[in-house]
Amino acid sequence: MVNSNGSTDWLKTAAVVTTKAVPGARHVELDGEFHNVPAERLVPELSAFYRDPR
């Protein structure tokens, strides 16, 4: 699960709860505004996920 620190509180909570409910899931909170995380912050996280999706 990925959310930004600009997400609303209920979306942040939903991301954490969903992560806990899905076996093997990971949660990352990125710096940025809601739906506007800078590519230089998002790309490394997506790259890491695709290299090791677990």
Protein backbone atom coordinates (compact mmCIF):
# COMPACT_ATOMS: atom_id res chain seq x y z
CA MET A 1 0.00 0.00 0.00
CA VAL A 2 1.22 3.45 -0.82
CA ASN A 3 -0.16 6.71 0.40
CA SER A 4 1.25 10.20 0.69
CA ASN A 5 1.64 12.17 3.87
CA GLY A 6 -0.74 14.62 2.19
CA SER A 7 -3.52 12.01 2.21
CA THR A 8 -6.52 12.54 4.41
CA ASP A 9 -6.43 10.80 7.79
CA TRP A 10 -9.06 8.25 6.79
CA LEU A 11 -7.05 7.26 3.69
CA LYS A 12 -3.88 6.89 5.77
CA THR A 13 -5.78 4.69 8.20
CA ALA A 14 -7.29 2.66 5.37
CA ALA A 15 -3.82 2.05 3.92
CA VAL A 16 -2.49 0.79 7.25
CA VAL A 17 -5.54 -1.40 7.95
CA THR A 18 -5.46 -2.87 4.44
CA THR A 19 -1.74 -3.61 4.75
CA LYS A 20 -2.35 -5.49 7.98
CA ALA A 21 -5.19 -7.47 6.40
CA VAL A 22 -3.30 -8.60 3.28
CA PRO A 23 -0.67 -11.28 3.92
CA GLY A 24 2.78 -10.15 2.80
CA ALA A 25 1.65 -6.59 2.11
CA ARG A 26 3.93 -3.62 2.69
CA HIS A 27 3.02 -0.06 3.52
CA VAL A 28 4.94 3.03 2.43
CA GLU A 29 4.01 6.63 3.16
CA LEU A 30 5.64 9.03 0.71
CA ASP A 31 6.27 12.74 1.03
CA GLY A 32 4.00 14.75 -1.21
CA GLU A 33 0.56 16.10 -1.67
CA PHE A 34 -2.54 13.98 -2.15
CA HIS A 35 -2.26 12.39 -5.64
CA ASN A 36 0.85 14.44 -6.35
CA VAL A 37 3.89 12.57 -5.06
CA PRO A 38 7.00 13.73 -6.91
CA ALA A 39 8.29 11.18 -9.43
CA GLU A 40 11.76 11.25 -7.87
CA ARG A 41 10.18 9.92 -4.65
CA LEU A 42 7.72 7.50 -6.23
CA VAL A 43 10.01 5.82 -8.78
CA PRO A 44 12.47 4.33 -6.25
CA GLU A 45 9.63 2.80 -4.23
CA LEU A 46 7.97 1.29 -7.29
CA SER A 47 11.31 0.00 -8.55
CA ALA A 48 12.03 -1.67 -5.20
CA PHE A 49 8.58 -3.25 -5.21
CA TYR A 50 8.93 -4.66 -8.71
CA ARG A 51 12.39 -6.02 -7.95
CA ASP A 52 11.12 -7.76 -4.78
CA PRO A 53 7.30 -8.03 -4.83
CA ARG A 54 7.33 -10.74 -2.10
